[in-house]
């Protein structure tokens, strides 16, 4: 029987040249990421770290340099799926790396084939009986996401080939709506456009037990079919947390334990909260009560921690 698996999910770090971006603490991002890395390095049992994109903001050389400087301190195996901010085409920032340039600089394992949008996907054996699949939900000209036909066909073939393994999937864009607001224009960009189609493929393979995503900057945990879908908030935006996940084999399936770990002290957490509730996004979410956006991002208690079994 496969041994217990213990790993971290980190997402939406947004190292940036700007003071704030997308309601995250841009100027504090390197510090918060370093706190995260220091915490992870102290976990002797930790098997790996999964980072699901938006590690940069405008993909400038200085952002990349600062991200890699902290990442180099991580003493655990790590895996990366790209987000829509990991490469930028902006005439106002001529030095910014284009998406296909930024991704292999972040993770050299993704240098070939040239990682244009929809091409930076991969499948890796973590240990005998455990497979980690990274999907590329980026689009070349927008910040919404999808999994195109070629990638979906590859996913189907890959899942057939590893039918007897535990499969964990990482992707930047959530595959399902996190709330009714995602049915509205603009808010729909936070969700993978054809997530239902991707879920249909995943649902045909009972070995897929966990789907991990970011992008929405919100904590949420949902059972969907025989899988657990875990969306994690931005590391550098309120509530400034990442996930620790333990999967333990049982005769009837898998026992899964999830906790959220903070990286901000009380002062920084308050600063992150204030930045969030005064953001345009919060007022777009609920102009009468912007604090409800902070509550949504933090998630309910059952979105922050989980303990249960999947058969």
C-alpha atoms as a PDB file:
ATOM      1  CA  UNK A   1       0.000   0.000   0.000  1.00  0.00           C
ATOM      2  CA  UNK A   2       1.230   3.524  -0.836  1.00  0.00           C
ATOM      3  CA  UNK A   3       2.648   5.375   2.171  1.00  0.00           C
ATOM      4  CA  UNK A   4       1.189   8.594   3.526  1.00  0.00           C
ATOM      5  CA  UNK A   5       1.757  11.691   1.384  1.00  0.00           C
ATOM      6  CA  UNK A   6       2.408  15.138   2.876  1.00  0.00           C
ATOM      7  CA  UNK A   7       2.745  18.239   0.722  1.00  0.00           C
ATOM      8  CA  UNK A   8       2.070  21.977   0.479  1.00  0.00           C
ATOM      9  CA  UNK A   9      -0.046  24.013  -1.920  1.00  0.00           C
ATOM     10  CA  UNK A  10       1.123  27.595  -2.505  1.00  0.00           C
ATOM     11  CA  UNK A  11      -0.396  29.926  -5.083  1.00  0.00           C
ATOM     12  CA  UNK A  12      -0.621  33.513  -6.352  1.00  0.00           C
ATOM     13  CA  UNK A  13       2.519  34.968  -4.796  1.00  0.00           C
ATOM     14  CA  UNK A  14       2.490  38.015  -7.109  1.00  0.00           C
ATOM     15  CA  UNK A  15       6.046  39.233  -6.681  1.00  0.00           C
ATOM     16  CA  UNK A  16       5.695  42.725  -8.118  1.00  0.00           C
ATOM     17  CA  UNK A  17       7.356  46.052  -8.794  1.00  0.00           C
ATOM     18  CA  UNK A  18       4.167  47.724  -7.608  1.00  0.00           C
ATOM     19  CA  UNK A  19       3.145  48.497  -4.035  1.00  0.00           C
ATOM     20  CA  UNK A  20      -0.104  46.559  -4.364  1.00  0.00           C
ATOM     21  CA  UNK A  21      -1.570  44.420  -7.107  1.00  0.00           C
ATOM     22  CA  UNK A  22      -4.842  42.535  -7.284  1.00  0.00           C
ATOM     23  CA  UNK A  23      -5.374  43.309  -3.582  1.00  0.00           C
ATOM     24  CA  UNK A  24      -2.131  41.616  -2.565  1.00  0.00           C
ATOM     25  CA  UNK A  25       0.711  43.182  -0.591  1.00  0.00           C
ATOM     26  CA  UNK A  26       3.133  43.604  -3.462  1.00  0.00           C
ATOM     27  CA  UNK A  27       5.879  45.316  -1.486  1.00  0.00           C
ATOM     28  CA  UNK A  28       5.688  42.604   1.191  1.00  0.00           C
ATOM     29  CA  UNK A  29       5.510  39.672  -1.245  1.00  0.00           C
ATOM     30  CA  UNK A  30       9.194  38.625  -1.067  1.00  0.00           C
ATOM     31  CA  UNK A  31       9.074  38.698   2.739  1.00  0.00           C
ATOM     32  CA  UNK A  32       5.853  36.671   2.935  1.00  0.00           C
ATOM     33  CA  UNK A  33       7.164  34.150   0.420  1.00  0.00           C
ATOM     34  CA  UNK A  34      10.382  33.822   2.431  1.00  0.00           C
ATOM     35  CA  UNK A  35       8.399  33.177   5.625  1.00  0.00           C
ATOM     36  CA  UNK A  36       6.522  30.462   3.743  1.00  0.00           C
ATOM     37  CA  UNK A  37       9.756  28.875   2.504  1.00  0.00           C
ATOM     38  CA  UNK A  38      11.279  28.959   5.985  1.00  0.00           C
ATOM     39  CA  UNK A  39       8.213  27.221   7.413  1.00  0.00           C
ATOM     40  CA  UNK A  40       8.244  24.563   4.698  1.00  0.00           C
ATOM     41  CA  UNK A  41      11.947  23.876   5.182  1.00  0.00           C
ATOM     42  CA  UNK A  42      11.286  23.050   8.834  1.00  0.00           C
ATOM     43  CA  UNK A  43       8.786  20.306   7.930  1.00  0.00           C
ATOM     44  CA  UNK A  44      10.958  17.204   7.770  1.00  0.00           C
ATOM     45  CA  UNK A  45       8.135  14.974   6.520  1.00  0.00           C
ATOM     46  CA  UNK A  46       7.156  17.231   3.624  1.00  0.00           C
ATOM     47  CA  UNK A  47       7.317  15.384   0.303  1.00  0.00           C
ATOM     48  CA  UNK A  48       6.933  18.295  -2.114  1.00  0.00           C
ATOM     49  CA  UNK A  49       5.501  21.763  -2.751  1.00  0.00           C
ATOM     50  CA  UNK A  50       2.996  22.514  -5.526  1.00  0.00           C
ATOM     51  CA  UNK A  51       2.881  26.128  -6.756  1.00  0.00           C
ATOM     52  CA  UNK A  52      -0.118  26.830  -8.994  1.00  0.00           C
ATOM     53  CA  UNK A  53       0.880  30.006 -10.752  1.00  0.00           C
ATOM     54  CA  UNK A  54       0.972  33.788 -10.671  1.00  0.00           C
ATOM     55  CA  UNK A  55       4.316  33.819  -8.930  1.00  0.00           C
ATOM     56  CA  UNK A  56       5.038  37.068 -10.824  1.00  0.00           C
ATOM     57  CA  UNK A  57       2.836  40.070 -11.542  1.00  0.00           C
ATOM     58  CA  UNK A  58       4.059  41.912 -14.650  1.00  0.00           C
ATOM     59  CA  UNK A  59       6.849  39.419 -15.401  1.00  0.00           C
ATOM     60  CA  UNK A  60       9.643  41.973 -15.309  1.00  0.00           C
ATOM     61  CA  UNK A  61      13.280  40.896 -14.864  1.00  0.00           C
ATOM     62  CA  UNK A  62      13.368  42.362 -11.350  1.00  0.00           C
ATOM     63  CA  UNK A  63      10.251  40.404 -10.329  1.00  0.00           C
ATOM     64  CA  UNK A  64      11.739  37.188 -11.649  1.00  0.00           C
ATOM     65  CA  UNK A  65      15.052  37.846  -9.914  1.00  0.00           C
ATOM     66  CA  UNK A  66      13.368  38.389  -6.550  1.00  0.00           C
ATOM     67  CA  UNK A  67      11.143  35.339  -6.930  1.00  0.00           C
ATOM     68  CA  UNK A  68      14.026  33.039  -7.855  1.00  0.00           C
ATOM     69  CA  UNK A  69      16.161  34.400  -5.006  1.00  0.00           C
ATOM     70  CA  UNK A  70      13.594  33.211  -2.464  1.00  0.00           C
ATOM     71  CA  UNK A  71      12.735  30.014  -4.328  1.00  0.00           C
ATOM     72  CA  UNK A  72      16.421  29.038  -4.269  1.00  0.00           C
ATOM     73  CA  UNK A  73      16.145  28.811  -0.471  1.00  0.00           C
ATOM     74  CA  UNK A  74      13.454  26.109  -0.663  1.00  0.00           C
ATOM     75  CA  UNK A  75      14.983  22.749   0.297  1.00  0.00           C
ATOM     76  CA  UNK A  76      12.028  20.632  -0.816  1.00  0.00           C
ATOM     77  CA  UNK A  77      11.092  19.241  -4.232  1.00  0.00           C
ATOM     78  CA  UNK A  78       8.748  21.664  -5.958  1.00  0.00           C
ATOM     79  CA  UNK A  79       6.437  21.680  -8.962  1.00  0.00           C
ATOM     80  CA  UNK A  80       4.916  24.601 -10.841  1.00  0.00           C
ATOM     81  CA  UNK A  81       1.904  25.204 -13.063  1.00  0.00           C
ATOM     82  CA  UNK A  82       1.848  28.612 -14.775  1.00  0.00           C
ATOM     83  CA  UNK A  83      -0.690  31.367 -14.216  1.00  0.00           C
ATOM     84  CA  UNK A  84      -1.824  34.227 -16.406  1.00  0.00           C
ATOM     85  CA  UNK A  85       0.604  36.661 -14.732  1.00  0.00           C
ATOM     86  CA  UNK A  86       3.665  34.494 -15.373  1.00  0.00           C
ATOM     87  CA  UNK A  87       4.575  36.310 -18.562  1.00  0.00           C
ATOM     88  CA  UNK A  88       3.124  39.537 -19.914  1.00  0.00           C
ATOM     89  CA  UNK A  89       2.695  41.356 -23.204  1.00  0.00           C
ATOM     90  CA  UNK A  90       2.401  45.040 -22.325  1.00  0.00           C
ATOM     91  CA  UNK A  91       3.709  47.887 -24.522  1.00  0.00           C
ATOM     92  CA  UNK A  92       4.204  49.973 -21.370  1.00  0.00           C
ATOM     93  CA  UNK A  93       6.641  47.358 -20.049  1.00  0.00           C
ATOM     94  CA  UNK A  94       8.911  46.490 -22.966  1.00  0.00           C
ATOM     95  CA  UNK A  95      11.340  44.592 -20.728  1.00  0.00           C
ATOM     96  CA  UNK A  96       8.652  42.220 -19.427  1.00  0.00           C
ATOM     97  CA  UNK A  97       9.116  38.582 -20.311  1.00  0.00           C
ATOM     98  CA  UNK A  98       6.569  37.157 -22.698  1.00  0.00           C
ATOM     99  CA  UNK A  99       4.716  34.091 -21.382  1.00  0.00           C
ATOM    100  CA  UNK A 100       6.823  31.594 -23.332  1.00  0.00           C
ATOM    101  CA  UNK A 101       9.974  33.346 -22.082  1.00  0.00           C
ATOM    102  CA  UNK A 102       9.027  33.630 -18.411  1.00  0.00           C
ATOM    103  CA  UNK A 103       7.861  30.064 -17.784  1.00  0.00           C
ATOM    104  CA  UNK A 104      11.160  28.247 -18.542  1.00  0.00           C
ATOM    105  CA  UNK A 105      13.044  30.857 -16.518  1.00  0.00           C
ATOM    106  CA  UNK A 106      10.807  30.034 -13.572  1.00  0.00           C
ATOM    107  CA  UNK A 107      11.003  26.274 -14.145  1.00  0.00           C
ATOM    108  CA  UNK A 108      13.650  25.013 -16.619  1.00  0.00           C
ATOM    109  CA  UNK A 109      11.866  21.647 -16.795  1.00  0.00           C
ATOM    110  CA  UNK A 110       9.288  23.417 -18.944  1.00  0.00           C
ATOM    111  CA  UNK A 111      11.676  24.755 -21.591  1.00  0.00           C
ATOM    112  CA  UNK A 112      10.614  22.223 -24.219  1.00  0.00           C
ATOM    113  CA  UNK A 113       8.303  22.294 -26.011  1.00  0.00           C
ATOM    114  CA  UNK A 114       8.246  26.087 -26.088  1.00  0.00           C
ATOM    115  CA  UNK A 115       5.728  26.838 -23.308  1.00  0.00           C
ATOM    116  CA  UNK A 116       3.218  28.952 -25.182  1.00  0.00           C
ATOM    117  CA  UNK A 117      -0.202  29.152 -23.526  1.00  0.00           C
ATOM    118  CA  UNK A 118      -1.898  25.733 -23.338  1.00  0.00           C
ATOM    119  CA  UNK A 119       1.417  23.896 -23.878  1.00  0.00           C
ATOM    120  CA  UNK A 120       3.072  24.007 -20.432  1.00  0.00           C
ATOM    121  CA  UNK A 121       1.430  20.876 -19.030  1.00  0.00           C
ATOM    122  CA  UNK A 122       3.152  17.846 -17.566  1.00  0.00           C
ATOM    123  CA  UNK A 123       2.783  14.535 -15.710  1.00  0.00           C
ATOM    124  CA  UNK A 124       5.275  13.328 -13.086  1.00  0.00           C
ATOM    125  CA  UNK A 125       5.597  10.306 -10.870  1.00  0.00           C
ATOM    126  CA  UNK A 126       6.047  11.524  -7.301  1.00  0.00           C
ATOM    127  CA  UNK A 127       6.688   8.026  -6.006  1.00  0.00           C
ATOM    128  CA  UNK A 128       5.485   4.554  -7.018  1.00  0.00           C
ATOM    129  CA  UNK A 129       1.708   4.689  -7.192  1.00  0.00           C
ATOM    130  CA  UNK A 130       1.399   8.496  -6.968  1.00  0.00           C
ATOM    131  CA  UNK A 131       1.161  10.818  -9.980  1.00  0.00           C
ATOM    132  CA  UNK A 132       1.043  14.603 -10.092  1.00  0.00           C
ATOM    133  CA  UNK A 133      -0.404  16.218 -13.228  1.00  0.00           C
ATOM    134  CA  UNK A 134       0.008  19.910 -13.996  1.00  0.00           C
ATOM    135  CA  UNK A 135      -2.388  21.536 -16.459  1.00  0.00           C
ATOM    136  CA  UNK A 136      -1.887  24.800 -18.347  1.00  0.00           C
ATOM    137  CA  UNK A 137      -5.085  26.860 -18.233  1.00  0.00           C
ATOM    138  CA  UNK A 138      -3.545  30.070 -19.611  1.00  0.00           C
ATOM    139  CA  UNK A 139      -4.906  31.822 -22.677  1.00  0.00           C
ATOM    140  CA  UNK A 140      -2.606  33.925 -24.870  1.00  0.00           C
ATOM    141  CA  UNK A 141      -4.648  37.116 -24.836  1.00  0.00           C
ATOM    142  CA  UNK A 142      -6.813  37.210 -21.710  1.00  0.00           C
ATOM    143  CA  UNK A 143      -6.825  36.379 -18.002  1.00  0.00           C
ATOM    144  CA  UNK A 144      -9.595  33.811 -18.105  1.00  0.00           C
ATOM    145  CA  UNK A 145      -8.676  30.179 -18.697  1.00  0.00           C
ATOM    146  CA  UNK A 146      -9.485  26.956 -20.463  1.00  0.00           C
ATOM    147  CA  UNK A 147      -8.037  23.543 -21.264  1.00  0.00           C
ATOM    148  CA  UNK A 148      -8.020  23.277 -25.046  1.00  0.00           C
ATOM    149  CA  UNK A 149      -8.858  20.185 -27.101  1.00  0.00           C
ATOM    150  CA  UNK A 150      -5.256  19.061 -27.594  1.00  0.00           C
ATOM    151  CA  UNK A 151      -4.454  19.304 -23.894  1.00  0.00           C
ATOM    152  CA  UNK A 152      -7.710  17.600 -22.968  1.00  0.00           C
ATOM    153  CA  UNK A 153      -6.912  14.691 -25.307  1.00  0.00           C
ATOM    154  CA  UNK A 154      -3.465  14.416 -23.724  1.00  0.00           C
ATOM    155  CA  UNK A 155      -5.064  14.407 -20.257  1.00  0.00           C
ATOM    156  CA  UNK A 156      -7.437  11.601 -21.205  1.00  0.00           C
ATOM    157  CA  UNK A 157      -4.570   9.497 -22.549  1.00  0.00           C
ATOM    158  CA  UNK A 158      -2.423  10.195 -19.494  1.00  0.00           C
ATOM    159  CA  UNK A 159      -5.193   9.203 -17.087  1.00  0.00           C
ATOM    160  CA  UNK A 160      -5.795   5.971 -18.976  1.00  0.00           C
ATOM    161  CA  UNK A 161      -2.098   5.167 -18.725  1.00  0.00           C
ATOM    162  CA  UNK A 162      -1.977   5.712 -14.941  1.00  0.00           C
ATOM    163  CA  UNK A 163      -5.355   4.161 -14.108  1.00  0.00           C
ATOM    164  CA  UNK A 164      -3.972   2.267 -11.105  1.00  0.00           C
ATOM    165  CA  UNK A 165      -2.281   5.282  -9.472  1.00  0.00           C
ATOM    166  CA  UNK A 166      -3.380   7.992  -7.070  1.00  0.00           C
ATOM    167  CA  UNK A 167      -3.618  11.165  -9.181  1.00  0.00           C
ATOM    168  CA  UNK A 168      -3.381  14.761  -7.960  1.00  0.00           C
ATOM    169  CA  UNK A 169      -4.099  17.552 -10.449  1.00  0.00           C
ATOM    170  CA  UNK A 170      -2.793  21.110 -10.227  1.00  0.00           C
ATOM    171  CA  UNK A 171      -4.154  23.954 -12.378  1.00  0.00           C
ATOM    172  CA  UNK A 172      -4.198  27.735 -12.046  1.00  0.00           C
ATOM    173  CA  UNK A 173      -7.883  28.393 -12.819  1.00  0.00           C
ATOM    174  CA  UNK A 174     -10.570  26.654 -10.731  1.00  0.00           C
ATOM    175  CA  UNK A 175     -12.609  24.160 -12.731  1.00  0.00           C
ATOM    176  CA  UNK A 176     -15.934  25.144 -11.176  1.00  0.00           C
ATOM    177  CA  UNK A 177     -17.700  28.252  -9.915  1.00  0.00           C
ATOM    178  CA  UNK A 178     -16.822  29.285  -6.396  1.00  0.00           C
ATOM    179  CA  UNK A 179     -20.032  31.264  -6.048  1.00  0.00           C
ATOM    180  CA  UNK A 180     -22.992  32.724  -7.954  1.00  0.00           C
ATOM    181  CA  UNK A 181     -20.943  35.824  -8.787  1.00  0.00           C
ATOM    182  CA  UNK A 182     -18.926  33.702 -11.233  1.00  0.00           C
ATOM    183  CA  UNK A 183     -21.909  33.643 -13.584  1.00  0.00           C
ATOM    184  CA  UNK A 184     -21.561  37.393 -14.145  1.00  0.00           C
ATOM    185  CA  UNK A 185     -19.350  39.147 -16.708  1.00  0.00           C
ATOM    186  CA  UNK A 186     -15.791  39.833 -15.515  1.00  0.00           C
ATOM    187  CA  UNK A 187     -16.221  37.434 -12.586  1.00  0.00           C
ATOM    188  CA  UNK A 188     -16.470  34.529 -15.015  1.00  0.00           C
ATOM    189  CA  UNK A 189     -12.809  35.151 -15.881  1.00  0.00           C
ATOM    190  CA  UNK A 190     -11.864  33.658 -12.520  1.00  0.00           C
ATOM    191  CA  UNK A 191     -13.038  30.211 -13.663  1.00  0.00           C
ATOM    192  CA  UNK A 192     -11.832  27.797 -16.344  1.00  0.00           C
ATOM    193  CA  UNK A 193     -14.225  28.309 -19.257  1.00  0.00           C
ATOM    194  CA  UNK A 194     -14.617  24.595 -19.996  1.00  0.00           C
ATOM    195  CA  UNK A 195     -14.140  23.355 -16.460  1.00  0.00           C
ATOM    196  CA  UNK A 196     -17.206  21.115 -16.698  1.00  0.00           C
ATOM    197  CA  UNK A 197     -15.641  19.319 -19.649  1.00  0.00           C
ATOM    198  CA  UNK A 198     -12.390  18.833 -17.749  1.00  0.00           C
ATOM    199  CA  UNK A 199     -14.326  17.517 -14.749  1.00  0.00           C
ATOM    200  CA  UNK A 200     -16.124  15.061 -17.012  1.00  0.00           C
ATOM    201  CA  UNK A 201     -12.759  13.631 -18.060  1.00  0.00           C
ATOM    202  CA  UNK A 202     -11.507  13.509 -14.471  1.00  0.00           C
ATOM    203  CA  UNK A 203     -14.729  11.829 -13.374  1.00  0.00           C
ATOM    204  CA  UNK A 204     -14.057   8.879 -15.656  1.00  0.00           C
ATOM    205  CA  UNK A 205     -10.920   8.041 -13.677  1.00  0.00           C
ATOM    206  CA  UNK A 206     -11.548   7.209 -10.005  1.00  0.00           C
ATOM    207  CA  UNK A 207      -7.840   7.475  -9.204  1.00  0.00           C
ATOM    208  CA  UNK A 208      -8.105  11.273  -9.427  1.00  0.00           C
ATOM    209  CA  UNK A 209      -8.702  12.301  -5.825  1.00  0.00           C
ATOM    210  CA  UNK A 210      -7.540  15.897  -5.541  1.00  0.00           C
ATOM    211  CA  UNK A 211      -7.687  19.018  -7.738  1.00  0.00           C
ATOM    212  CA  UNK A 212      -5.749  22.079  -6.547  1.00  0.00           C
ATOM    213  CA  UNK A 213      -6.182  25.587  -7.974  1.00  0.00           C
ATOM    214  CA  UNK A 214      -5.650  29.288  -7.275  1.00  0.00           C
ATOM    215  CA  UNK A 215      -6.370  32.410  -9.394  1.00  0.00           C
ATOM    216  CA  UNK A 216      -9.540  33.430  -7.517  1.00  0.00           C
ATOM    217  CA  UNK A 217      -7.546  34.443  -4.402  1.00  0.00           C
ATOM    218  CA  UNK A 218     -10.093  32.630  -2.234  1.00  0.00           C
ATOM    219  CA  UNK A 219     -10.154  29.581   0.025  1.00  0.00           C
ATOM    220  CA  UNK A 220     -12.725  26.944  -0.779  1.00  0.00           C
ATOM    221  CA  UNK A 221     -12.942  23.154  -0.351  1.00  0.00           C
ATOM    222  CA  UNK A 222     -15.656  21.164  -2.089  1.00  0.00           C
ATOM    223  CA  UNK A 223     -16.399  17.495  -2.716  1.00  0.00           C
ATOM    224  CA  UNK A 224     -17.226  17.000  -6.377  1.00  0.00           C
ATOM    225  CA  UNK A 225     -17.921  13.432  -7.375  1.00  0.00           C
ATOM    226  CA  UNK A 226     -15.225  11.249  -5.894  1.00  0.00           C
ATOM    227  CA  UNK A 227     -12.752  14.135  -5.793  1.00  0.00           C
ATOM    228  CA  UNK A 228     -11.879  16.955  -3.451  1.00  0.00           C
ATOM    229  CA  UNK A 229     -11.445  20.347  -5.153  1.00  0.00           C
ATOM    230  CA  UNK A 230      -9.242  22.683  -3.127  1.00  0.00           C
ATOM    231  CA  UNK A 231      -8.957  26.339  -4.062  1.00  0.00           C
ATOM    232  CA  UNK A 232      -6.324  28.268  -2.122  1.00  0.00           C
ATOM    233  CA  UNK A 233      -6.150  32.010  -1.469  1.00  0.00           C
ATOM    234  CA  UNK A 234      -3.242  34.192  -2.596  1.00  0.00           C
ATOM    235  CA  UNK A 235      -0.191  33.777  -0.392  1.00  0.00           C
ATOM    236  CA  UNK A 236       0.376  37.538  -0.318  1.00  0.00           C
ATOM    237  CA  UNK A 237      -3.246  38.687  -0.059  1.00  0.00           C
ATOM    238  CA  UNK A 238      -5.621  38.401   2.869  1.00  0.00           C
ATOM    239  CA  UNK A 239      -5.700  36.000   4.688  1.00  0.00           C
ATOM    240  CA  UNK A 240      -2.050  35.341   3.602  1.00  0.00           C
ATOM    241  CA  UNK A 241      -2.062  31.558   3.929  1.00  0.00           C
ATOM    242  CA  UNK A 242      -1.029  28.390   2.131  1.00  0.00           C
ATOM    243  CA  UNK A 243      -2.166  24.787   2.524  1.00  0.00           C
ATOM    244  CA  UNK A 244      -0.625  21.711   4.085  1.00  0.00           C
ATOM    245  CA  UNK A 245      -2.220  18.483   2.896  1.00  0.00           C
ATOM    246  CA  UNK A 246      -1.764  14.969   4.235  1.00  0.00           C
ATOM    247  CA  UNK A 247      -3.186  11.957   2.401  1.00  0.00           C
ATOM    248  CA  UNK A 248      -3.170   8.647   4.243  1.00  0.00           C
ATOM    249  CA  UNK A 249      -4.205   5.384   2.573  1.00  0.00           C
ATOM    250  CA  UNK A 250      -7.053   3.415   4.126  1.00  0.00           C
ATOM    251  CA  UNK A 251      -8.530   0.090   3.126  1.00  0.00           C
ATOM    252  CA  UNK A 252     -11.615   1.975   1.907  1.00  0.00           C
ATOM    253  CA  UNK A 253      -9.801   4.845   0.166  1.00  0.00           C
ATOM    254  CA  UNK A 254      -7.874   7.910   1.329  1.00  0.00           C
ATOM    255  CA  UNK A 255      -8.047   9.968   4.489  1.00  0.00           C
ATOM    256  CA  UNK A 256      -7.321  13.611   3.694  1.00  0.00           C
ATOM    257  CA  UNK A 257      -6.340  16.281   6.213  1.00  0.00           C
ATOM    258  CA  UNK A 258      -5.956  19.906   5.120  1.00  0.00           C
ATOM    259  CA  UNK A 259      -4.860  22.884   7.167  1.00  0.00           C
ATOM    260  CA  UNK A 260      -4.217  26.529   6.276  1.00  0.00           C
ATOM    261  CA  UNK A 261      -0.953  28.002   7.530  1.00  0.00           C
ATOM    262  CA  UNK A 262      -0.507  31.780   7.957  1.00  0.00           C
ATOM    263  CA  UNK A 263       2.617  33.633   6.856  1.00  0.00           C
ATOM    264  CA  UNK A 264       1.681  37.140   8.043  1.00  0.00           C
ATOM    265  CA  UNK A 265       1.971  38.489  11.566  1.00  0.00           C
ATOM    266  CA  UNK A 266      -0.948  40.402  13.054  1.00  0.00           C
ATOM    267  CA  UNK A 267       0.153  43.766  11.643  1.00  0.00           C
ATOM    268  CA  UNK A 268       0.656  42.467   8.104  1.00  0.00           C
ATOM    269  CA  UNK A 269      -2.579  40.509   8.225  1.00  0.00           C
ATOM    270  CA  UNK A 270      -4.407  43.729   9.165  1.00  0.00           C
ATOM    271  CA  UNK A 271      -2.628  45.569   6.353  1.00  0.00           C
ATOM    272  CA  UNK A 272      -3.675  42.844   3.909  1.00  0.00           C
ATOM    273  CA  UNK A 273      -7.266  43.003   5.142  1.00  0.00           C
ATOM    274  CA  UNK A 274      -7.417  46.774   4.711  1.00  0.00           C
ATOM    275  CA  UNK A 275      -5.937  46.548   1.215  1.00  0.00           C
ATOM    276  CA  UNK A 276      -8.501  43.937   0.280  1.00  0.00           C
ATOM    277  CA  UNK A 277     -11.649  45.661   1.526  1.00  0.00           C
ATOM    278  CA  UNK A 278     -10.634  48.960  -0.087  1.00  0.00           C
ATOM    279  CA  UNK A 279      -9.901  47.335  -3.437  1.00  0.00           C
ATOM    280  CA  UNK A 280     -11.952  47.752  -6.607  1.00  0.00           C
ATOM    281  CA  UNK A 281     -12.575  44.009  -6.558  1.00  0.00           C
ATOM    282  CA  UNK A 282     -14.189  44.155  -3.114  1.00  0.00           C
ATOM    283  CA  UNK A 283     -16.476  46.992  -4.167  1.00  0.00           C
ATOM    284  CA  UNK A 284     -17.351  45.154  -7.348  1.00  0.00           C
ATOM    285  CA  UNK A 285     -18.194  42.052  -5.284  1.00  0.00           C
ATOM    286  CA  UNK A 286     -20.488  43.943  -2.915  1.00  0.00           C
ATOM    287  CA  UNK A 287     -20.513  47.764  -3.018  1.00  0.00           C
ATOM    288  CA  UNK A 288     -22.690  47.885   0.095  1.00  0.00           C
ATOM    289  CA  UNK A 289     -20.380  45.670   2.139  1.00  0.00           C
ATOM    290  CA  UNK A 290     -16.829  45.333   0.751  1.00  0.00           C
ATOM    291  CA  UNK A 291     -15.838  43.354   3.846  1.00  0.00           C
ATOM    292  CA  UNK A 292     -17.890  40.460   2.476  1.00  0.00           C
ATOM    293  CA  UNK A 293     -15.166  39.990  -0.142  1.00  0.00           C
ATOM    294  CA  UNK A 294     -12.606  39.510   2.619  1.00  0.00           C
ATOM    295  CA  UNK A 295     -14.896  36.946   4.250  1.00  0.00           C
ATOM    296  CA  UNK A 296     -15.252  35.145   0.923  1.00  0.00           C
ATOM    297  CA  UNK A 297     -11.482  35.079   0.345  1.00  0.00           C
ATOM    298  CA  UNK A 298     -10.800  33.780   3.844  1.00  0.00           C
ATOM    299  CA  UNK A 299     -13.509  31.162   3.441  1.00  0.00           C
ATOM    300  CA  UNK A 300     -15.696  29.491   5.995  1.00  0.00           C
ATOM    301  CA  UNK A 301     -14.112  27.272   8.641  1.00  0.00           C
ATOM    302  CA  UNK A 302     -14.816  24.253   6.434  1.00  0.00           C
ATOM    303  CA  UNK A 303     -12.974  26.011   3.565  1.00  0.00           C
ATOM    304  CA  UNK A 304      -9.893  26.558   5.708  1.00  0.00           C
ATOM    305  CA  UNK A 305      -9.512  23.062   7.136  1.00  0.00           C
ATOM    306  CA  UNK A 306     -10.734  19.629   6.166  1.00  0.00           C
ATOM    307  CA  UNK A 307     -10.600  16.108   7.533  1.00  0.00           C
ATOM    308  CA  UNK A 308     -12.440  13.283   5.847  1.00  0.00           C
ATOM    309  CA  UNK A 309     -12.247  10.256   3.585  1.00  0.00           C
ATOM    310  CA  UNK A 310     -12.570   9.735  -0.141  1.00  0.00           C
ATOM    311  CA  UNK A 311     -13.352   6.220  -1.301  1.00  0.00           C
END
